Amino acid sequence: MTGALYCFASVTSAVANLWPPTHTEITTAIAALLVGIVVGMTGMGGGALMTPALIFLGVGRVSSIVTADLTAAAIYKTSGACVHWREGSPNLRLAAWLTFGSVPMALLGPHLIHWMNPARGVDTFLAGCIGAAALLAAATYALRIYTELRRRARGLRRPQSKCVVRPLPTILIGALGGLLVGITSVGSGSIIMIALLMLYPGLPAVQLVGTDLVQAVPLVLSGAISNISVNGLNWSIAIPLIIGSLPGCMLGSKIAPRMRGKYIRRAVVVVLTISGLALIDKAGWVSLGATDGETHPKTIALLGLIMLLLAPFLRAVLQRRIGLAAVKRQAVELGDESGRRT
């Protein structure tokens, strides 16, 4: 791990000497590094966090950001998919049906937006679509947390049964995810993942991740190619994204075992929610007290603070409703009794 980071730092230094970065490119690389760390720690799809972050940083046009993010994702997702491929973890038949549905829709997505020719402009419309996708990703991520809490309350692990692939629902999941990814770059690692978890509860965790990564490679690659053909590729965004996200994912994977995952997951849901609301407000789809298409920062900060304060309370209520609190108390009592016996 240390050697790989050293080699990557050496290559990055050489690139910087040949191509001195601007302030915007440095900002983009730092944002990519931070998002990459979160992705490495949580497994959350990078597009759901990276694309809104770059839009708020104002590093370029929304269409350019989507294209650059898909291009970077095609590179770092390929490396992860190769690891899982060598270990034999992906369900290739399931990945094939997902790809069958996702690739055509990812290719269609950016052309569909330009054919629609939104009256307020493509970038404004894209910002609204990305905001809606971020809210959907937050909802699916919260659903994933709820599902895991229910499993813990029942004392169950994910059943390790044989996965019977259902082609039609799988193709529909791939098509929806492909359309979202082609338009917004959001969905390949968040929305499709939770949809697979719901449709195939018997799929082992390692196969779930491996299958999602393998199908994501042709998905994001086709989305990147289609967006490049429509919007072109801004290398000043794409290269810093790649430079920052690769070591970020490696660092996040390294420190993940030492972190309290529940706090990170809550923060991800909060960030996705407030960024999604801010983007659809910016696009004029809702009003959060903003003027001239600019979201009022105090409104967004207040929403985020309320969500952070309410999260522990809602989690406690949820644990009580599904019986997880009682399970924890029983485990503590059993541990104390065992301690007294010894």
Protein backbone atom coordinates (compact mmCIF):
# COMPACT_ATOMS: atom_id res chain seq x y z
CA MET A 1 0.00 0.00 0.00
CA THR A 2 2.74 2.46 0.98
CA GLY A 3 4.78 1.56 -2.10
CA ALA A 4 1.81 2.07 -4.39
CA LEU A 5 1.11 5.49 -2.90
CA TYR A 6 4.79 6.43 -3.25
CA CYS A 7 4.81 5.42 -6.93
CA PHE A 8 1.60 7.35 -7.54
CA ALA A 9 3.04 10.43 -5.81
CA SER A 10 6.13 10.22 -8.01
CA VAL A 11 4.04 10.05 -11.18
CA THR A 12 1.86 12.94 -9.94
CA SER A 13 4.96 15.05 -9.26
CA ALA A 14 6.28 14.37 -12.76
CA VAL A 15 2.94 15.36 -14.31
CA ALA A 16 2.87 18.56 -12.22
CA ASN A 17 6.34 19.50 -13.48
CA LEU A 18 5.26 19.02 -17.08
CA TRP A 19 1.88 20.68 -16.58
CA PRO A 20 1.85 23.22 -13.70
CA PRO A 21 -1.65 23.12 -12.17
CA THR A 22 -3.87 26.16 -11.77
CA HIS A 23 -5.79 27.05 -8.62
CA THR A 24 -8.98 25.47 -10.03
CA GLU A 25 -7.17 22.24 -10.90
CA ILE A 26 -5.64 22.03 -7.42
CA THR A 27 -9.10 22.59 -5.89
CA THR A 28 -10.54 19.84 -8.11
CA ALA A 29 -7.78 17.39 -7.12
CA ILE A 30 -8.28 18.10 -3.40
CA ALA A 31 -12.05 17.61 -3.72
CA ALA A 32 -11.45 14.34 -5.60
CA LEU A 33 -9.04 13.19 -2.89
CA LEU A 34 -11.57 13.86 -0.10
CA VAL A 35 -14.45 12.25 -1.97
CA GLY A 36 -12.21 9.29 -2.86
CA ILE A 37 -11.46 8.75 0.83
CA VAL A 38 -15.18 8.70 1.64
CA VAL A 39 -15.82 6.28 -1.23
CA GLY A 40 -13.04 4.01 0.00
CA MET A 41 -14.43 4.02 3.55
CA THR A 42 -18.12 3.55 2.70
CA GLY A 43 -18.33 2.00 -0.76
CA MET A 44 -20.61 4.87 -1.75
CA GLY A 45 -20.69 5.72 -5.45
CA GLY A 46 -18.29 8.56 -6.23
CA GLY A 47 -20.56 10.33 -8.73
CA ALA A 48 -23.25 10.98 -6.13
CA LEU A 49 -20.75 12.97 -4.05
CA MET A 50 -18.21 14.22 -6.59
CA THR A 51 -20.48 15.79 -9.20
CA PRO A 52 -22.44 18.03 -6.77
CA ALA A 53 -19.19 19.00 -5.01
CA LEU A 54 -17.57 20.17 -8.25
CA ILE A 55 -20.70 22.07 -9.27
CA PHE A 56 -20.68 24.03 -6.00
CA LEU A 57 -16.95 24.68 -6.36
CA GLY A 58 -17.65 26.19 -9.78
CA VAL A 59 -14.78 24.44 -11.57
CA GLY A 60 -16.57 24.42 -14.92
CA ARG A 61 -19.83 23.91 -16.78
CA VAL A 62 -22.15 21.25 -15.39
CA SER A 63 -22.00 19.23 -18.62
CA SER A 64 -18.17 19.33 -18.52
CA ILE A 65 -18.15 18.16 -14.88
CA VAL A 66 -20.45 15.20 -15.67
CA THR A 67 -18.24 14.17 -18.61
CA ALA A 68 -15.00 14.45 -16.63
CA ASP A 69 -16.44 12.55 -13.66
CA LEU A 70 -17.57 9.67 -15.89
CA THR A 71 -14.14 9.57 -17.56
CA ALA A 72 -12.36 9.38 -14.19
CA ALA A 73 -14.83 6.77 -12.93
CA ALA A 74 -14.15 4.59 -15.97
CA ILE A 75 -10.49 4.47 -14.90
CA TYR A 76 -10.70 3.86 -11.15
CA LYS A 77 -13.70 1.50 -11.39
CA THR A 78 -11.77 -0.61 -13.90
CA SER A 79 -8.99 -1.20 -11.37
CA GLY A 80 -11.48 -2.29 -8.71
CA ALA A 81 -13.32 -4.54 -11.15
CA CYS A 82 -10.06 -6.24 -12.17
CA VAL A 83 -9.35 -7.15 -8.53
CA HIS A 84 -12.79 -8.70 -8.08
CA TRP A 85 -12.52 -10.45 -11.47
CA ARG A 86 -9.24 -12.13 -10.46
CA GLU A 87 -10.81 -13.28 -7.18
CA GLY A 88 -13.82 -14.71 -9.02
CA SER A 89 -16.37 -12.79 -6.95
CA PRO A 90 -18.65 -11.21 -9.63
CA ASN A 91 -21.80 -12.94 -10.84
CA LEU A 92 -21.06 -12.57 -14.55
CA ARG A 93 -24.53 -13.63 -15.73
CA LEU A 94 -26.14 -10.98 -13.53
CA ALA A 95 -23.61 -8.36 -14.64
CA ALA A 96 -24.32 -9.23 -18.30
CA TRP A 97 -28.08 -8.65 -17.93
CA LEU A 98 -27.44 -5.36 -16.11
CA THR A 99 -25.08 -4.26 -18.88
CA PHE A 100 -27.64 -5.23 -21.51
CA GLY A 101 -30.05 -2.73 -20.01
CA SER A 102 -27.63 -0.01 -18.87
CA VAL A 103 -25.25 0.58 -21.80
CA PRO A 104 -27.85 1.59 -24.44
CA MET A 105 -29.53 3.98 -22.00
CA ALA A 106 -26.20 5.48 -20.92
CA LEU A 107 -25.37 6.11 -24.57
CA LEU A 108 -28.81 7.69 -25.11
CA GLY A 109 -28.83 9.89 -21.98
CA PRO A 110 -26.77 12.94 -23.01
CA HIS A 111 -28.27 12.97 -26.54
CA LEU A 112 -31.75 12.90 -24.99
CA ILE A 113 -30.99 16.00 -22.92
CA HIS A 114 -29.79 17.95 -25.95
CA TRP A 115 -32.72 16.81 -28.07
CA MET A 116 -35.07 18.11 -25.37
CA ASN A 117 -33.31 21.52 -25.57
CA PRO A 118 -34.48 22.84 -22.16
CA ALA A 119 -35.71 26.42 -22.26
CA ARG A 120 -33.57 27.48 -19.25
CA GLY A 121 -30.40 25.97 -20.69
CA VAL A 122 -28.77 22.55 -20.64
CA ASP A 123 -26.56 23.23 -17.61
CA THR A 124 -29.45 24.49 -15.48
CA PHE A 125 -31.57 21.49 -16.40
CA LEU A 126 -28.64 19.13 -15.72
CA ALA A 127 -28.14 20.69 -12.27
CA GLY A 128 -31.77 19.89 -11.45
CA CYS A 129 -31.41 16.31 -12.73
CA ILE A 130 -28.24 15.82 -10.67
CA GLY A 131 -30.01 17.22 -7.60
CA ALA A 132 -32.90 14.79 -8.05
CA ALA A 133 -30.43 11.91 -8.55
CA ALA A 134 -28.55 12.92 -5.38
CA LEU A 135 -31.80 12.88 -3.39
CA LEU A 136 -32.61 9.45 -4.83
CA ALA A 137 -29.13 8.24 -3.90
CA ALA A 138 -29.61 9.57 -0.34
CA ALA A 139 -32.93 7.73 -0.07
CA THR A 140 -31.45 4.46 -1.34
CA TYR A 141 -28.48 4.79 0.99
CA ALA A 142 -30.81 5.40 3.96
CA LEU A 143 -32.79 2.34 2.85
CA ARG A 144 -29.58 0.33 2.83
CA ILE A 145 -28.84 1.41 6.43
CA TYR A 146 -32.40 0.49 7.45
CA THR A 147 -32.10 -2.94 5.81
CA GLU A 148 -28.88 -3.69 7.67
CA LEU A 149 -30.46 -2.59 10.99
CA ARG A 150 -33.37 -4.99 10.41
CA ARG A 151 -30.96 -7.84 9.71
CA ARG A 152 -29.08 -7.11 12.93
CA ALA A 153 -32.33 -6.94 14.90
CA ARG A 154 -33.33 -10.36 13.60
CA GLY A 155 -29.87 -11.77 14.25
CA LEU A 156 -29.57 -12.72 10.60
CA ARG A 157 -26.74 -12.55 8.18
CA ARG A 158 -27.37 -12.16 4.50
CA PRO A 159 -28.55 -15.60 3.32
CA GLN A 160 -25.91 -17.36 1.26
CA SER A 161 -28.33 -19.05 -1.14
CA LYS A 162 -27.92 -19.68 -4.83
CA CYS A 163 -28.67 -16.55 -6.83
CA VAL A 164 -31.36 -17.18 -9.45
CA VAL A 165 -31.02 -14.37 -12.00
CA ARG A 166 -34.28 -12.71 -13.07
CA PRO A 167 -33.55 -11.18 -16.50
CA LEU A 168 -36.46 -8.74 -16.96
CA PRO A 169 -36.25 -6.93 -13.56
CA THR A 170 -32.46 -6.90 -13.86
CA ILE A 171 -32.60 -5.30 -17.31
CA LEU A 172 -35.04 -2.67 -16.02
CA ILE A 173 -32.70 -1.85 -13.10
CA GLY A 174 -29.82 -1.55 -15.53
CA ALA A 175 -31.86 0.68 -17.86
CA LEU A 176 -32.87 3.07 -15.07
CA GLY A 177 -29.33 3.19 -13.70
CA GLY A 178 -27.88 3.63 -17.18
CA LEU A 179 -30.15 6.58 -17.95
CA LEU A 180 -29.28 8.27 -14.65
CA VAL A 181 -25.56 7.69 -15.13
CA GLY A 182 -25.58 8.86 -18.74
CA ILE A 183 -27.33 12.11 -17.78
CA THR A 184 -25.96 12.86 -14.31
CA SER A 185 -23.01 10.43 -13.65
CA VAL A 186 -24.89 9.43 -10.44
CA GLY A 187 -26.21 5.94 -9.83
CA SER A 188 -23.68 3.28 -10.81
CA GLY A 189 -22.42 2.72 -7.26
CA SER A 190 -25.41 3.79 -5.19
CA ILE A 191 -28.81 3.32 -6.81
CA ILE A 192 -27.95 0.14 -8.74
CA MET A 193 -26.26 -1.34 -5.66
CA ILE A 194 -29.31 -0.97 -3.40
CA ALA A 195 -31.63 -2.18 -6.19
CA LEU A 196 -29.55 -5.35 -6.49
CA LEU A 197 -29.62 -5.77 -2.71
CA MET A 198 -33.41 -5.59 -2.72
CA LEU A 199 -33.90 -7.84 -5.77
CA TYR A 200 -31.30 -10.45 -4.78
CA PRO A 201 -31.14 -10.63 -0.95
CA GLY A 202 -29.40 -14.02 -1.22
CA LEU A 203 -26.46 -12.59 -3.15
CA PRO A 204 -23.30 -12.73 -0.96
CA ALA A 205 -21.83 -9.33 -0.09
CA VAL A 206 -18.59 -9.92 -2.00
CA GLN A 207 -20.55 -10.91 -5.11
CA LEU A 208 -22.80 -7.87 -4.72
CA VAL A 209 -19.84 -5.50 -4.75
CA GLY A 210 -17.96 -7.41 -7.45
CA THR A 211 -21.00 -7.60 -9.74
CA ASP A 212 -21.73 -3.89 -9.29
CA LEU A 213 -18.13 -2.96 -10.12
CA VAL A 214 -17.93 -5.21 -13.19
CA GLN A 215 -21.18 -3.90 -14.68
CA ALA A 216 -20.18 -0.32 -13.81
CA VAL A 217 -17.13 -0.41 -16.11
CA PRO A 218 -19.01 -0.66 -19.45
CA LEU A 219 -21.75 1.54 -17.99
CA VAL A 220 -19.58 4.53 -17.07
CA LEU A 221 -17.36 4.00 -20.13
CA SER A 222 -20.35 4.18 -22.49
CA GLY A 223 -21.69 7.18 -20.58
CA ALA A 224 -18.29 8.89 -20.83
CA ILE A 225 -18.01 8.21 -24.58
CA SER A 226 -21.51 9.52 -25.25
CA ASN A 227 -20.97 12.65 -23.14
CA ILE A 228 -17.60 13.31 -24.81
CA SER A 229 -19.24 13.06 -28.23
CA VAL A 230 -21.87 15.61 -27.19
CA ASN A 231 -19.98 17.95 -24.82
CA GLY A 232 -16.29 17.29 -25.44
CA LEU A 233 -13.82 16.55 -22.62
CA ASN A 234 -12.29 19.23 -20.40
CA TRP A 235 -8.90 17.76 -19.48
CA SER A 236 -8.31 20.45 -16.84
CA ILE A 237 -11.14 18.83 -14.86
CA ALA A 238 -10.62 15.18 -15.82
CA ILE A 239 -6.89 14.90 -14.99
CA PRO A 240 -7.14 16.42 -11.46
CA LEU A 241 -10.13 14.14 -10.82
CA ILE A 242 -8.08 11.07 -11.69
CA ILE A 243 -5.03 12.29 -9.76
CA GLY A 244 -7.06 12.95 -6.62
CA SER A 245 -9.56 10.09 -6.64
CA LEU A 246 -7.15 7.16 -7.08
CA PRO A 247 -5.04 7.74 -3.93
CA GLY A 248 -8.18 8.87 -2.08
CA CYS A 249 -9.88 5.52 -2.66
CA MET A 250 -6.73 3.68 -1.59
CA LEU A 251 -6.43 5.72 1.62
CA GLY A 252 -10.13 5.34 2.40
CA SER A 253 -9.92 1.57 2.01
CA LYS A 254 -6.89 1.52 4.30
CA ILE A 255 -8.43 3.51 7.16
CA ALA A 256 -11.96 2.09 6.86
CA PRO A 257 -11.44 -0.63 9.53
CA ARG A 258 -10.38 2.05 12.06
CA MET A 259 -13.41 4.33 11.57
CA ARG A 260 -16.89 4.28 13.10
CA GLY A 261 -18.88 3.56 9.98
CA LYS A 262 -22.26 4.70 11.32
CA TYR A 263 -21.15 8.33 11.67
CA ILE A 264 -19.73 8.40 8.15
CA ARG A 265 -22.92 6.89 6.72
CA ARG A 266 -25.07 9.50 8.48
CA ALA A 267 -22.86 12.28 7.15
CA VAL A 268 -23.08 10.91 3.59
CA VAL A 269 -26.90 10.87 3.72
CA VAL A 270 -26.95 14.45 5.07
CA VAL A 271 -24.51 15.73 2.45
CA LEU A 272 -26.41 14.05 -0.40
CA THR A 273 -29.71 15.45 0.84
CA ILE A 274 -28.64 19.06 1.25
CA SER A 275 -26.63 19.07 -1.99
CA GLY A 276 -29.58 17.56 -3.85
CA LEU A 277 -31.96 20.18 -2.44
CA ALA A 278 -29.52 22.97 -3.24
CA LEU A 279 -29.15 21.81 -6.86
CA ILE A 280 -32.87 21.48 -7.58
CA ASP A 281 -33.32 24.89 -5.96
CA LYS A 282 -30.56 26.28 -8.18
CA ALA A 283 -32.36 24.86 -11.20
CA GLY A 284 -35.60 26.55 -10.11
CA TRP A 285 -37.49 23.31 -9.50
CA VAL A 286 -38.21 24.23 -5.86
CA SER A 287 -37.75 27.39 -3.82
CA LEU A 288 -35.70 27.42 -0.61
CA GLY A 289 -35.72 31.17 -0.12
CA ALA A 290 -33.20 31.79 -2.88
CA THR A 291 -33.10 34.66 -5.33
CA ASP A 292 -31.70 34.90 -8.86
CA GLY A 293 -31.12 31.17 -9.06
CA GLU A 294 -28.70 31.12 -6.12
CA THR A 295 -29.46 29.04 -3.05
CA HIS A 296 -29.35 30.88 0.27
CA PRO A 297 -26.41 29.29 2.16
CA LYS A 298 -28.05 29.81 5.56
CA THR A 299 -31.09 27.79 4.48
CA ILE A 300 -28.92 24.88 3.35
CA ALA A 301 -26.78 25.06 6.51
CA LEU A 302 -29.91 25.05 8.68
CA LEU A 303 -31.29 21.99 6.87
CA GLY A 304 -28.01 20.15 7.34
CA LEU A 305 -27.84 21.05 11.04
CA ILE A 306 -31.43 19.87 11.61
CA MET A 307 -30.69 16.56 9.90
CA LEU A 308 -27.53 16.03 11.96
CA LEU A 309 -29.38 16.74 15.21
CA LEU A 310 -32.32 14.53 14.31
CA ALA A 311 -30.28 11.59 13.00
CA PRO A 312 -29.39 10.03 16.42
CA PHE A 313 -32.97 10.48 17.66
CA LEU A 314 -34.46 8.89 14.53
CA ARG A 315 -31.96 6.03 14.71
CA ALA A 316 -32.92 5.35 18.37
CA VAL A 317 -36.63 5.38 17.52
CA LEU A 318 -36.01 3.05 14.59
CA GLN A 319 -33.95 0.66 16.71
CA ARG A 320 -36.74 0.52 19.28
CA ARG A 321 -39.39 -0.14 16.63
CA ILE A 322 -37.51 -3.02 15.01
CA GLY A 323 -36.34 -4.45 18.35
CA LEU A 324 -32.61 -3.83 17.93
CA ALA A 325 -32.31 -2.01 21.27
CA ALA A 326 -33.72 -5.05 23.09
CA VAL A 327 -31.28 -7.31 21.27
CA LYS A 328 -28.37 -5.11 22.38
CA ARG A 329 -29.56 -5.10 26.01
CA GLN A 330 -29.91 -8.87 25.95
CA ALA A 331 -26.37 -9.20 24.56
CA VAL A 332 -25.02 -6.93 27.32
CA GLU A 333 -26.88 -8.89 30.02
CA LEU A 334 -25.56 -12.18 28.66
CA GLY A 335 -22.05 -10.75 28.61
CA ASP A 336 -22.34 -9.57 32.22
CA GLU A 337 -23.70 -12.95 33.35
CA SER A 338 -20.91 -14.75 31.55
CA GLY A 339 -18.39 -12.45 33.24
CA ARG A 340 -19.80 -13.20 36.69
CA ARG A 341 -19.62 -16.94 36.06
CA THR A 342 -15.97 -16.75 35.11
